[in-house]
C-alpha atoms as a PDB file:
ATOM      1  CA  UNK A   1      99.590  65.559  89.363  1.00  0.00           C
ATOM      2  CA  UNK A   2      99.030  65.697  93.081  1.00  0.00           C
ATOM      3  CA  UNK A   3      96.460  68.014  94.513  1.00  0.00           C
ATOM      4  CA  UNK A   4      95.992  69.401  97.919  1.00  0.00           C
ATOM      5  CA  UNK A   5      92.451  70.090  99.319  1.00  0.00           C
ATOM      6  CA  UNK A   6      92.169  73.751 100.070  1.00  0.00           C
ATOM      7  CA  UNK A   7      89.331  75.915 101.456  1.00  0.00           C
ATOM      8  CA  UNK A   8      88.167  78.959  99.423  1.00  0.00           C
ATOM      9  CA  UNK A   9      89.502  81.211 102.232  1.00  0.00           C
ATOM     10  CA  UNK A  10      93.139  79.690 102.127  1.00  0.00           C
ATOM     11  CA  UNK A  11      93.150  79.770  98.423  1.00  0.00           C
ATOM     12  CA  UNK A  12      92.230  83.481  98.299  1.00  0.00           C
ATOM     13  CA  UNK A  13      95.023  84.104 101.006  1.00  0.00           C
ATOM     14  CA  UNK A  14      97.683  82.106  99.161  1.00  0.00           C
ATOM     15  CA  UNK A  15      96.699  84.029  95.784  1.00  0.00           C
ATOM     16  CA  UNK A  16      97.073  87.306  97.633  1.00  0.00           C
ATOM     17  CA  UNK A  17     100.348  86.417  99.035  1.00  0.00           C
ATOM     18  CA  UNK A  18     101.426  85.315  95.536  1.00  0.00           C
ATOM     19  CA  UNK A  19     100.102  88.588  93.994  1.00  0.00           C
ATOM     20  CA  UNK A  20     102.022  90.586  96.583  1.00  0.00           C
ATOM     21  CA  UNK A  21     105.338  88.758  96.169  1.00  0.00           C
ATOM     22  CA  UNK A  22     105.306  89.216  92.237  1.00  0.00           C
ATOM     23  CA  UNK A  23     104.095  92.787  92.179  1.00  0.00           C
ATOM     24  CA  UNK A  24     106.195  94.297  95.260  1.00  0.00           C
ATOM     25  CA  UNK A  25     109.230  96.513  94.608  1.00  0.00           C
ATOM     26  CA  UNK A  26     112.294  94.669  93.970  1.00  0.00           C
ATOM     27  CA  UNK A  27     115.061  97.468  93.803  1.00  0.00           C
ATOM     28  CA  UNK A  28     116.370  95.879  90.511  1.00  0.00           C
ATOM     29  CA  UNK A  29     117.388  92.440  92.209  1.00  0.00           C
ATOM     30  CA  UNK A  30     116.977  89.585  90.261  1.00  0.00           C
ATOM     31  CA  UNK A  31     114.071  86.978  91.207  1.00  0.00           C
ATOM     32  CA  UNK A  32     113.961  85.292  93.668  1.00  0.00           C
ATOM     33  CA  UNK A  33     114.804  88.106  96.215  1.00  0.00           C
ATOM     34  CA  UNK A  34     114.344  88.686  99.846  1.00  0.00           C
ATOM     35  CA  UNK A  35     114.306  91.609 102.175  1.00  0.00           C
ATOM     36  CA  UNK A  36     116.313  92.628 105.231  1.00  0.00           C
ATOM     37  CA  UNK A  37     116.614  95.579 107.463  1.00  0.00           C
ATOM     38  CA  UNK A  38     119.880  97.553 106.978  1.00  0.00           C
ATOM     39  CA  UNK A  39     121.171 100.486 109.270  1.00  0.00           C
ATOM     40  CA  UNK A  40     124.537 102.153 110.317  1.00  0.00           C
ATOM     41  CA  UNK A  41     126.112 100.700 113.385  1.00  0.00           C
ATOM     42  CA  UNK A  42     129.111 101.999 115.217  1.00  0.00           C
ATOM     43  CA  UNK A  43     132.240  99.572 114.903  1.00  0.00           C
ATOM     44  CA  UNK A  44     135.623  99.924 116.349  1.00  0.00           C
ATOM     45  CA  UNK A  45     138.149 101.158 113.827  1.00  0.00           C
ATOM     46  CA  UNK A  46     141.180  98.510 113.956  1.00  0.00           C
ATOM     47  CA  UNK A  47     143.575 101.320 112.703  1.00  0.00           C
ATOM     48  CA  UNK A  48     142.333 103.839 115.258  1.00  0.00           C
ATOM     49  CA  UNK A  49     141.586 106.444 112.386  1.00  0.00           C
ATOM     50  CA  UNK A  50     137.729 106.317 112.872  1.00  0.00           C
ATOM     51  CA  UNK A  51     135.561 109.455 112.828  1.00  0.00           C
ATOM     52  CA  UNK A  52     133.848 108.930 116.291  1.00  0.00           C
ATOM     53  CA  UNK A  53     136.292 109.198 119.164  1.00  0.00           C
ATOM     54  CA  UNK A  54     135.386 107.456 122.528  1.00  0.00           C
ATOM     55  CA  UNK A  55     137.175 107.446 125.776  1.00  0.00           C
ATOM     56  CA  UNK A  56     136.828 104.235 127.896  1.00  0.00           C
ATOM     57  CA  UNK A  57     137.412 104.954 131.639  1.00  0.00           C
ATOM     58  CA  UNK A  58     138.954 101.911 133.295  1.00  0.00           C
ATOM     59  CA  UNK A  59     138.081 103.217 136.685  1.00  0.00           C
ATOM     60  CA  UNK A  60     134.418 103.914 135.887  1.00  0.00           C
ATOM     61  CA  UNK A  61     134.056 101.215 133.551  1.00  0.00           C
ATOM     62  CA  UNK A  62     132.202 103.497 131.193  1.00  0.00           C
ATOM     63  CA  UNK A  63     132.573 104.953 127.733  1.00  0.00           C
ATOM     64  CA  UNK A  64     132.295 108.683 126.914  1.00  0.00           C
ATOM     65  CA  UNK A  65     132.613 111.051 124.138  1.00  0.00           C
ATOM     66  CA  UNK A  66     135.379 113.616 124.773  1.00  0.00           C
ATOM     67  CA  UNK A  67     132.684 116.361 125.237  1.00  0.00           C
ATOM     68  CA  UNK A  68     130.775 114.290 127.640  1.00  0.00           C
ATOM     69  CA  UNK A  69     134.049 113.488 129.592  1.00  0.00           C
ATOM     70  CA  UNK A  70     134.675 117.251 129.926  1.00  0.00           C
ATOM     71  CA  UNK A  71     131.066 117.910 131.017  1.00  0.00           C
ATOM     72  CA  UNK A  72     131.065 115.211 133.561  1.00  0.00           C
ATOM     73  CA  UNK A  73     134.325 116.539 135.348  1.00  0.00           C
ATOM     74  CA  UNK A  74     134.477 120.271 134.819  1.00  0.00           C
ATOM     75  CA  UNK A  75     137.346 120.778 137.292  1.00  0.00           C
ATOM     76  CA  UNK A  76     139.586 118.472 135.428  1.00  0.00           C
ATOM     77  CA  UNK A  77     138.650 120.108 132.121  1.00  0.00           C
ATOM     78  CA  UNK A  78     139.461 123.631 133.662  1.00  0.00           C
ATOM     79  CA  UNK A  79     142.774 122.317 134.730  1.00  0.00           C
ATOM     80  CA  UNK A  80     143.231 121.361 131.086  1.00  0.00           C
ATOM     81  CA  UNK A  81     142.356 124.728 129.883  1.00  0.00           C
ATOM     82  CA  UNK A  82     144.483 126.531 132.272  1.00  0.00           C
ATOM     83  CA  UNK A  83     147.503 124.141 132.035  1.00  0.00           C
ATOM     84  CA  UNK A  84     147.658 124.030 135.717  1.00  0.00           C
ATOM     85  CA  UNK A  85     148.199 120.935 137.934  1.00  0.00           C
ATOM     86  CA  UNK A  86     146.713 122.645 141.122  1.00  0.00           C
ATOM     87  CA  UNK A  87     143.423 122.087 142.710  1.00  0.00           C
ATOM     88  CA  UNK A  88     140.926 124.729 141.609  1.00  0.00           C
ATOM     89  CA  UNK A  89     137.319 124.971 142.114  1.00  0.00           C
ATOM     90  CA  UNK A  90     134.861 125.836 139.282  1.00  0.00           C
ATOM     91  CA  UNK A  91     132.990 128.951 140.123  1.00  0.00           C
ATOM     92  CA  UNK A  92     129.813 129.775 138.340  1.00  0.00           C
ATOM     93  CA  UNK A  93     129.476 128.135 134.751  1.00  0.00           C
ATOM     94  CA  UNK A  94     132.151 125.659 133.635  1.00  0.00           C
ATOM     95  CA  UNK A  95     133.828 126.564 130.412  1.00  0.00           C
ATOM     96  CA  UNK A  96     132.206 125.404 127.098  1.00  0.00           C
ATOM     97  CA  UNK A  97     133.685 122.605 125.283  1.00  0.00           C
ATOM     98  CA  UNK A  98     136.034 123.776 122.603  1.00  0.00           C
ATOM     99  CA  UNK A  99     136.119 121.245 119.702  1.00  0.00           C
ATOM    100  CA  UNK A 100     139.358 122.872 118.207  1.00  0.00           C
ATOM    101  CA  UNK A 101     141.235 121.643 121.168  1.00  0.00           C
ATOM    102  CA  UNK A 102     139.868 117.960 121.106  1.00  0.00           C
ATOM    103  CA  UNK A 103     143.050 116.325 120.260  1.00  0.00           C
ATOM    104  CA  UNK A 104     145.186 118.143 122.846  1.00  0.00           C
ATOM    105  CA  UNK A 105     142.337 117.403 125.408  1.00  0.00           C
ATOM    106  CA  UNK A 106     142.270 113.655 124.425  1.00  0.00           C
ATOM    107  CA  UNK A 107     146.127 113.520 124.917  1.00  0.00           C
ATOM    108  CA  UNK A 108     145.778 115.311 128.303  1.00  0.00           C
ATOM    109  CA  UNK A 109     143.138 112.785 129.402  1.00  0.00           C
ATOM    110  CA  UNK A 110     145.404 109.833 128.446  1.00  0.00           C
ATOM    111  CA  UNK A 111     148.402 111.275 130.146  1.00  0.00           C
ATOM    112  CA  UNK A 112     146.599 112.031 133.489  1.00  0.00           C
ATOM    113  CA  UNK A 113     143.887 109.276 133.764  1.00  0.00           C
ATOM    114  CA  UNK A 114     143.637 105.569 133.434  1.00  0.00           C
ATOM    115  CA  UNK A 115     141.675 105.544 130.282  1.00  0.00           C
ATOM    116  CA  UNK A 116     141.877 104.146 126.769  1.00  0.00           C
ATOM    117  CA  UNK A 117     140.943 106.332 123.779  1.00  0.00           C
ATOM    118  CA  UNK A 118     139.680 104.626 120.687  1.00  0.00           C
ATOM    119  CA  UNK A 119     137.654 105.384 117.570  1.00  0.00           C
ATOM    120  CA  UNK A 120     134.750 104.011 115.861  1.00  0.00           C
ATOM    121  CA  UNK A 121     133.037 104.382 112.570  1.00  0.00           C
ATOM    122  CA  UNK A 122     129.475 104.095 111.214  1.00  0.00           C
ATOM    123  CA  UNK A 123     129.167 101.030 109.025  1.00  0.00           C
ATOM    124  CA  UNK A 124     126.231  99.675 107.067  1.00  0.00           C
ATOM    125  CA  UNK A 125     125.030  96.497 108.589  1.00  0.00           C
ATOM    126  CA  UNK A 126     122.151  94.298 107.656  1.00  0.00           C
ATOM    127  CA  UNK A 127     120.025  92.748 110.237  1.00  0.00           C
ATOM    128  CA  UNK A 128     119.880  89.064 109.199  1.00  0.00           C
ATOM    129  CA  UNK A 129     116.159  88.505 109.742  1.00  0.00           C
ATOM    130  CA  UNK A 130     114.981  88.092 106.072  1.00  0.00           C
ATOM    131  CA  UNK A 131     111.657  88.065 104.698  1.00  0.00           C
ATOM    132  CA  UNK A 132     110.041  87.485 101.273  1.00  0.00           C
ATOM    133  CA  UNK A 133     107.745  90.617 101.768  1.00  0.00           C
ATOM    134  CA  UNK A 134     108.721  94.168 101.925  1.00  0.00           C
ATOM    135  CA  UNK A 135     105.885  95.021 104.219  1.00  0.00           C
ATOM    136  CA  UNK A 136     107.063  92.628 106.836  1.00  0.00           C
ATOM    137  CA  UNK A 137     110.587  94.265 106.996  1.00  0.00           C
ATOM    138  CA  UNK A 138     108.892  97.744 107.023  1.00  0.00           C
ATOM    139  CA  UNK A 139     106.777  96.714 109.925  1.00  0.00           C
ATOM    140  CA  UNK A 140     109.927  95.063 111.599  1.00  0.00           C
ATOM    141  CA  UNK A 141     111.903  98.339 111.213  1.00  0.00           C
ATOM    142  CA  UNK A 142     109.014 100.291 112.649  1.00  0.00           C
ATOM    143  CA  UNK A 143     108.741  98.132 115.810  1.00  0.00           C
ATOM    144  CA  UNK A 144     112.376  97.446 116.251  1.00  0.00           C
ATOM    145  CA  UNK A 145     113.943 100.936 115.298  1.00  0.00           C
ATOM    146  CA  UNK A 146     115.497 101.468 118.751  1.00  0.00           C
ATOM    147  CA  UNK A 147     117.586  98.252 118.394  1.00  0.00           C
ATOM    148  CA  UNK A 148     118.584  98.520 114.625  1.00  0.00           C
ATOM    149  CA  UNK A 149     121.102 101.551 114.717  1.00  0.00           C
ATOM    150  CA  UNK A 150     121.163 104.790 112.812  1.00  0.00           C
ATOM    151  CA  UNK A 151     119.004 105.389 109.775  1.00  0.00           C
ATOM    152  CA  UNK A 152     117.376 101.928 109.470  1.00  0.00           C
ATOM    153  CA  UNK A 153     116.015 101.105 105.944  1.00  0.00           C
ATOM    154  CA  UNK A 154     114.868  98.160 103.752  1.00  0.00           C
ATOM    155  CA  UNK A 155     117.508  96.235 101.786  1.00  0.00           C
ATOM    156  CA  UNK A 156     116.820  93.672  98.986  1.00  0.00           C
ATOM    157  CA  UNK A 157     119.076  90.874  98.175  1.00  0.00           C
ATOM    158  CA  UNK A 158     118.958  88.279  95.531  1.00  0.00           C
ATOM    159  CA  UNK A 159     119.237  84.608  96.082  1.00  0.00           C
ATOM    160  CA  UNK A 160     121.272  84.312  92.990  1.00  0.00           C
END
C-alpha cells in the first residue's frame, strides 16, 4: 500500500473535511451527493400563457410591466381610460393603475404603439456551481444572492 507523507496539520484538516462530508445533511439523497444553489428565474413562456406579462418597447428598447408602462406615460394611459384619441394634458395626479383593465390596456398599447407583449413564468433553475459541502453553497448564496434570482436555496443532487 502506498503512503503519502502528511503533516499533522494537513491530516487534521483532511479528517475534519471527511467528518463534515459524512455528517452534513443530505436531503435524503444517495451517497455520493453534491450541492448546488437553486432559485426561481423568469423565463419566456413559448405559448404566451405565462403569469408575468411584459411589454417590450421597440422605440425605447426597454422592457416594462403594464403598470410601469402606464406610470411612465400617464397621458397615454389617460387617453386609454377616456377612450379618446385627442391630446389631453394630465392635470394634478394621474389616474391610479387599474389591474382589472389590464387585458384591455395591453390590447390598446399593442394597437397604438410599436411594442411586443409577451409573458414569462418563474421557473426553478439550479446554478451549476456544485460543491461537496453544504456550507460552501450557503456561503455562495449569501454572497451572490443578487445574481441568483428569486428565493435562492440549497439543492442536493445525487451522483447516481
